[in-house]
Protein backbone atom coordinates (compact mmCIF):
# COMPACT_ATOMS: atom_id res chain seq x y z
CA UNK A 1 0.03 0.05 -0.07
CA UNK A 2 1.35 3.39 -0.93
CA UNK A 3 2.44 5.34 2.28
CA UNK A 4 1.15 8.64 0.90
CA UNK A 5 -2.33 7.05 0.31
CA UNK A 6 -2.29 6.00 4.03
CA UNK A 7 -1.55 9.58 5.15
CA UNK A 8 -4.34 11.07 3.03
CA UNK A 9 -6.88 8.55 4.05
CA UNK A 10 -6.10 8.59 7.78
CA UNK A 11 -8.40 11.58 8.64
CA UNK A 12 -11.26 9.88 6.91
CA UNK A 13 -10.77 6.59 8.71
CA UNK A 14 -10.36 8.31 11.99
CA UNK A 15 -13.64 10.17 11.64
CA UNK A 16 -15.29 6.96 10.45
CA UNK A 17 -13.90 5.04 13.39
CA UNK A 18 -15.28 7.54 15.95
CA UNK A 19 -18.59 7.45 14.13
CA UNK A 20 -18.78 3.75 14.50
CA UNK A 21 -17.71 3.67 18.14
CA UNK A 22 -19.65 6.72 19.21
CA UNK A 23 -22.18 7.89 16.76
CA UNK A 24 -22.68 11.33 18.39
CA UNK A 25 -19.03 12.05 18.05
CA UNK A 26 -19.36 12.69 14.31
CA UNK A 27 -21.48 15.71 15.07
CA UNK A 28 -18.61 17.38 16.67
CA UNK A 29 -16.17 16.94 13.76
CA UNK A 30 -18.30 17.28 10.53
CA UNK A 31 -21.66 18.60 9.44
CA UNK A 32 -22.21 15.54 7.26
CA UNK A 33 -24.87 13.09 8.68
CA UNK A 34 -23.27 10.09 10.27
CA UNK A 35 -23.26 6.88 8.27
CA UNK A 36 -22.95 3.16 9.40
CA UNK A 37 -19.33 2.13 9.31
CA UNK A 38 -18.28 -1.36 9.97
CA UNK A 39 -15.79 -2.38 12.68
CA UNK A 40 -13.13 -3.01 10.01
CA UNK A 41 -12.72 0.69 9.58
CA UNK A 42 -12.10 1.18 13.20
CA UNK A 43 -9.42 -1.50 13.17
CA UNK A 44 -7.80 -0.12 10.07
CA UNK A 45 -7.71 3.40 11.56
CA UNK A 46 -6.10 2.01 14.69
CA UNK A 47 -3.42 0.29 12.51
CA UNK A 48 -2.80 3.51 10.51
CA UNK A 49 -2.51 5.83 13.54
CA UNK A 50 0.86 6.48 15.10
CA UNK A 51 1.76 5.59 18.63
CA UNK A 52 -0.36 7.09 21.42
CA UNK A 53 1.42 10.30 22.72
CA UNK A 54 1.73 8.67 26.18
CA UNK A 55 3.78 5.91 24.45
CA UNK A 56 6.05 8.49 22.93
CA UNK A 57 7.44 10.32 25.91
CA UNK A 58 11.07 11.29 26.12
CA UNK A 59 13.00 11.32 29.39
CA UNK A 60 15.05 14.13 30.85
CA UNK A 61 17.44 13.68 33.77
CA UNK A 62 17.81 16.89 35.75
CA UNK A 63 21.40 18.32 35.86
CA UNK A 64 22.95 20.61 38.33
CA UNK A 65 21.79 24.21 37.92
CA UNK A 66 18.65 23.34 35.89
CA UNK A 67 15.23 24.70 36.81
CA UNK A 68 11.78 23.42 35.81
CA UNK A 69 11.20 26.60 33.80
CA UNK A 70 14.51 26.17 31.85
CA UNK A 71 13.68 22.45 31.11
CA UNK A 72 10.31 23.38 29.80
CA UNK A 73 11.83 26.04 27.58
CA UNK A 74 14.38 23.59 26.25
CA UNK A 75 11.54 21.35 24.99
CA UNK A 76 9.33 24.29 23.98
CA UNK A 77 6.66 23.30 26.40
CA UNK A 78 4.78 25.10 29.22
CA UNK A 79 5.93 24.57 32.71
CA UNK A 80 2.43 23.45 33.66
CA UNK A 81 2.66 20.58 31.16
CA UNK A 82 5.71 19.18 33.05
CA UNK A 83 4.04 19.63 36.34
CA UNK A 84 0.85 17.76 35.24
CA UNK A 85 2.81 14.85 33.83
CA UNK A 86 5.33 14.66 36.66
CA UNK A 87 3.52 15.06 40.04
CA UNK A 88 6.81 15.08 42.00
CA UNK A 89 7.70 18.53 40.59
CA UNK A 90 4.41 20.19 41.20
CA UNK A 91 6.00 22.36 43.86
CA UNK A 92 7.95 24.06 41.03
CA UNK A 93 11.22 22.57 42.19
CA UNK A 94 13.40 19.98 40.69
CA UNK A 95 16.22 17.88 42.17
CA UNK A 96 19.44 16.83 40.47
CA UNK A 97 19.10 13.29 39.25
CA UNK A 98 15.29 13.33 38.87
CA UNK A 99 13.94 11.80 35.65
CA UNK A 100 11.13 13.77 34.11
CA UNK A 101 8.67 12.51 31.45
CA UNK A 102 8.67 14.90 28.43
CA UNK A 103 5.75 14.83 25.97
CA UNK A 104 6.15 15.87 22.33
CA UNK A 105 3.71 18.78 22.77
CA UNK A 106 1.77 20.65 25.41
CA UNK A 107 -1.20 18.83 27.08
CA UNK A 108 -2.30 16.99 30.00
CA UNK A 109 -3.34 13.34 30.92
CA UNK A 110 -7.02 12.54 31.74
CA UNK A 111 -8.50 9.39 33.09
CA UNK A 112 -11.86 8.42 31.62
CA UNK A 113 -14.68 8.43 34.18
CA UNK A 114 -17.57 5.93 34.10
CA UNK A 115 -19.30 6.24 30.80
CA UNK A 116 -17.11 8.93 29.27
CA UNK A 117 -15.75 8.57 25.77
CA UNK A 118 -13.79 10.56 23.26
CA UNK A 119 -16.80 12.69 22.33
CA UNK A 120 -17.64 13.78 25.91
CA UNK A 121 -13.93 14.42 26.84
CA UNK A 122 -13.36 16.35 23.66
CA UNK A 123 -16.35 18.53 24.44
CA UNK A 124 -15.09 19.01 28.08
CA UNK A 125 -11.67 20.35 26.80
CA UNK A 126 -13.16 22.02 23.72
CA UNK A 127 -11.07 20.17 21.13
CA UNK A 128 -12.05 17.99 18.14
CA UNK A 129 -12.93 14.41 18.99
CA UNK A 130 -10.97 13.10 16.01
CA UNK A 131 -7.84 14.91 17.12
CA UNK A 132 -8.08 13.44 20.53
CA UNK A 133 -8.80 10.01 19.01
CA UNK A 134 -5.73 10.15 16.72
CA UNK A 135 -3.38 11.55 19.38
CA UNK A 136 -4.18 8.54 21.48
CA UNK A 137 -3.32 6.00 18.81
CA UNK A 138 -6.96 5.44 17.78
CA UNK A 139 -7.38 3.17 20.79
CA UNK A 140 -11.02 2.22 21.26
CA UNK A 141 -11.36 2.22 25.11
CA UNK A 142 -8.19 3.63 26.75
CA UNK A 143 -8.26 4.23 30.51
CA UNK A 144 -6.00 7.34 30.32
CA UNK A 145 -5.64 9.76 27.36
CA UNK A 146 -3.40 12.66 26.51
CA UNK A 147 -5.41 15.77 25.78
CA UNK A 148 -3.28 17.98 23.43
CA UNK A 149 -3.30 21.71 24.02
CA UNK A 150 -5.07 21.45 27.47
CA UNK A 151 -3.26 23.21 30.29
CA UNK A 152 -2.86 21.39 33.59
CA UNK A 153 -3.96 23.23 36.72
CA UNK A 154 -3.78 21.99 40.32
CA UNK A 155 -6.86 20.77 42.00
CA UNK A 156 -8.15 22.82 44.89
CA UNK A 157 -7.61 20.62 47.86
CA UNK A 158 -8.76 21.82 51.34
CA UNK A 159 -5.81 22.29 53.55
CA UNK A 160 -5.50 19.91 56.47
CA UNK A 161 -3.19 21.42 59.15
CA UNK A 162 -3.25 18.22 61.21
CA UNK A 163 -1.62 16.33 58.30
CA UNK A 164 0.75 19.18 57.27
CA UNK A 165 2.05 19.70 60.76
CA UNK A 166 2.13 16.01 61.81
CA UNK A 167 -0.43 16.82 64.60
CA UNK A 168 1.07 20.11 65.75
CA UNK A 169 -2.31 21.81 65.41
CA UNK A 170 -3.55 24.78 63.46
CA UNK A 171 -2.07 28.26 63.40
CA UNK A 172 -4.93 29.83 65.36
CA UNK A 173 -4.09 27.57 68.31
CA UNK A 174 -0.32 27.71 67.94
CA UNK A 175 -0.37 31.52 67.84
CA UNK A 176 -3.24 32.22 70.18
CA UNK A 177 -0.90 34.63 72.17
CA UNK A 178 0.59 36.18 69.07
CA UNK A 179 0.07 39.51 67.33
CA UNK A 180 -0.38 40.86 63.85
CA UNK A 181 2.81 41.43 61.74
CA UNK A 182 1.80 45.01 60.89
CA UNK A 183 0.64 48.03 63.03
CA UNK A 184 -2.83 47.73 61.49
CA UNK A 185 -4.97 45.24 59.50
CA UNK A 186 -4.64 45.41 55.74
CA UNK A 187 -6.29 43.49 52.91
CA UNK A 188 -5.00 40.14 51.82
CA UNK A 189 -3.75 40.31 48.15
CA UNK A 190 -2.77 36.65 47.68
CA UNK A 191 -3.82 33.61 49.72
CA UNK A 192 -2.01 30.55 50.82
CA UNK A 193 -2.13 27.60 48.38
CA UNK A 194 -1.85 26.92 44.61
CA UNK A 195 -1.80 29.95 42.38
CA UNK A 196 -0.41 31.25 39.14
CA UNK A 197 2.70 33.19 40.17
CA UNK A 198 2.26 36.77 39.05
CA UNK A 199 5.92 37.18 38.10
CA UNK A 200 6.69 33.81 36.41
CA UNK A 201 3.07 33.04 35.25
CA UNK A 202 3.54 29.44 36.21
CA UNK A 203 1.46 27.44 38.79
CA UNK A 204 3.24 27.11 42.04
CA UNK A 205 2.48 26.60 45.67
CA UNK A 206 2.28 29.88 47.68
CA UNK A 207 3.36 28.86 51.19
CA UNK A 208 2.22 32.07 52.91
CA UNK A 209 -0.21 34.96 52.64
CA UNK A 210 0.46 38.33 51.09
CA UNK A 211 -0.66 41.49 52.95
CA UNK A 212 -1.20 44.60 50.87
CA UNK A 213 0.62 47.10 53.04
CA UNK A 214 2.10 50.32 51.59
CA UNK A 215 5.76 50.90 51.08
CA UNK A 216 7.66 51.73 54.29
CA UNK A 217 4.97 50.31 56.74
CA UNK A 218 6.71 48.90 59.88
CA UNK A 219 6.95 45.08 59.93
CA UNK A 220 6.48 43.62 63.39
CA UNK A 221 7.41 40.36 65.11
CA UNK A 222 4.13 38.36 65.45
CA UNK A 223 5.62 36.59 68.47
CA UNK A 224 8.68 36.79 70.68
CA UNK A 225 11.56 34.69 69.33
CA UNK A 226 15.13 34.45 68.00
CA UNK A 227 16.18 35.78 64.57
CA UNK A 228 17.11 32.62 62.64
CA UNK A 229 17.87 34.44 59.43
CA UNK A 230 18.18 38.06 58.39
CA UNK A 231 19.32 38.85 54.84
CA UNK A 232 18.82 38.20 51.21
CA UNK A 233 16.60 35.26 50.46
CA UNK A 234 16.56 35.08 46.60
CA UNK A 235 12.92 35.20 45.44
CA UNK A 236 11.88 36.32 48.96
CA UNK A 237 14.08 39.47 48.72
CA UNK A 238 15.00 40.87 52.03
CA UNK A 239 13.93 38.18 54.52
CA UNK A 240 13.65 37.79 58.22
CA UNK A 241 12.96 34.37 59.77
CA UNK A 242 12.04 33.98 63.50
CA UNK A 243 12.26 30.82 65.55
CA UNK A 244 9.64 30.64 68.33
CA UNK A 245 10.61 27.14 69.50
CA UNK A 246 8.20 24.70 67.92
CA UNK A 247 6.96 27.30 65.47
CA UNK A 248 8.51 29.91 63.18
CA UNK A 249 7.48 32.99 61.09
CA UNK A 250 8.84 34.35 57.88
CA UNK A 251 8.63 38.03 56.72
CA UNK A 252 9.63 38.59 53.05
CA UNK A 253 10.15 41.25 50.44
CA UNK A 254 11.26 43.87 53.04
CA UNK A 255 12.76 47.23 51.81
CA UNK A 256 15.07 47.20 54.88
CA UNK A 257 15.95 44.90 57.76
CA UNK A 258 16.40 46.29 61.28
CA UNK A 259 17.51 43.04 63.13
CA UNK A 260 20.36 40.70 62.85
CA UNK A 261 20.74 36.89 62.99
CA UNK A 262 21.00 35.53 66.55
CA UNK A 263 19.18 38.51 68.06
CA UNK A 264 16.27 37.91 70.45
CA UNK A 265 13.16 39.97 69.62
CA UNK A 266 10.02 40.76 71.57
CA UNK A 267 6.50 40.42 70.24
CA UNK A 268 5.63 43.66 68.33
CA UNK A 269 9.30 44.63 67.86
CA UNK A 270 10.05 46.22 64.48
CA UNK A 271 11.88 43.83 62.15
CA UNK A 272 12.02 46.10 59.07
CA UNK A 273 9.77 47.94 56.69
CA UNK A 274 7.50 46.79 53.82
CA UNK A 275 9.14 46.82 50.42
CA UNK A 276 9.03 44.95 46.97
CA UNK A 277 12.48 43.18 46.88
CA UNK A 278 13.00 39.83 45.38
CA UNK A 279 10.37 38.27 43.11
CA UNK A 280 7.59 40.78 43.68
CA UNK A 281 5.20 42.85 41.63
CA UNK A 282 4.65 45.70 44.21
CA UNK A 283 5.02 46.53 47.91
CA UNK A 284 3.47 43.99 50.32
CA UNK A 285 4.44 41.71 53.20
CA UNK A 286 4.65 37.96 52.46
CA UNK A 287 4.00 36.33 55.82
CA UNK A 288 4.43 32.62 56.67
CA UNK A 289 3.69 30.56 59.76
CA UNK A 290 5.68 27.29 60.01
CA UNK A 291 5.72 24.30 62.48
CA UNK A 292 8.50 21.93 63.24
CA UNK A 293 8.15 18.36 61.84
CA UNK A 294 10.23 15.33 61.17
CA UNK A 295 10.81 16.71 57.61
CA UNK A 296 11.80 20.13 58.90
CA UNK A 297 9.71 23.32 58.78
CA UNK A 298 6.20 22.85 57.37
CA UNK A 299 4.20 25.97 56.27
CA UNK A 300 0.61 26.38 57.52
CA UNK A 301 -2.13 28.60 56.18
CA UNK A 302 -1.86 31.80 58.26
CA UNK A 303 -5.36 33.03 57.32
CA UNK A 304 -7.30 31.59 60.30
CA UNK A 305 -4.79 33.21 62.70
CA UNK A 306 -4.57 36.52 60.88
CA UNK A 307 -8.32 36.89 60.49
CA UNK A 308 -8.83 36.34 64.18
CA UNK A 309 -6.24 38.98 65.14
CA UNK A 310 -7.39 41.42 62.46
CA UNK A 311 -10.95 41.04 63.77
CA UNK A 312 -9.80 41.88 67.34
CA UNK A 313 -7.83 44.90 66.12
CA UNK A 314 -10.80 46.25 64.15
CA UNK A 315 -13.12 45.79 67.19
CA UNK A 316 -10.62 47.62 69.37
CA UNK A 317 -10.36 50.40 66.75
CA UNK A 318 -14.10 50.85 66.78
CA UNK A 319 -14.38 51.06 70.61
């Protein structure tokens, strides 16, 4: 059989195969009324199709100095594509020696649910059913498919402080005697959890909360402790970390730092002033609450604690 004939006939056979397997699918790919196609066409389309995309993955071993963004750029892919296909790097960090699966194009993996088929999944992701069918090797009933062009996004999973802190409790209990890290309550501009980073535009985990304070606002110690770190923290910019024993706090993007490493500070003592240093799009305070665990410091969602303190501050102001 002439190879060029195979190539020209493939779209017809793919469409015919989808029509025979899922009659309604043809409506999504052509305005021509569906016709009865025998199972032979489905089989021939499967033979003519290339390998499923998920069987055509390259591998990349992470080298010293590489970042997830750089690896994605090397293969002309979105960072989110690599995150979706490699769950171990969804934090945005890679480790030397890790092996990543690299697809030939952007997309994500999707597991068929219950009675789903190519037609319903194609509609869900707003792509053509025949394209989805062909990209997955014209397999009739795969369990998992590769959806070309779709962008992976993290699922919204409720935070469970009991799990994250290995039973250390939630920040509201841990910091019940603490204070607000600023002289007055301000709006929250970015919450704890998965988000698209405003600077890198990639999905990453935001381990703290951003408080929209103006440039030069005093930054205060939320609780008495020892200065564990005071200096430049790369993406954090000017950074102060306090150790309170079983808990810790982090204050990032400061314009200036007024304390030094090893110094003991009292609750409410000024640590520095709000700025926009490091990876930042404008003046704000990035604030984190951490607890000690067997794996080191683990970040908790500071919102419950900050909301309670801010409410108290507002009520006092209104008295």
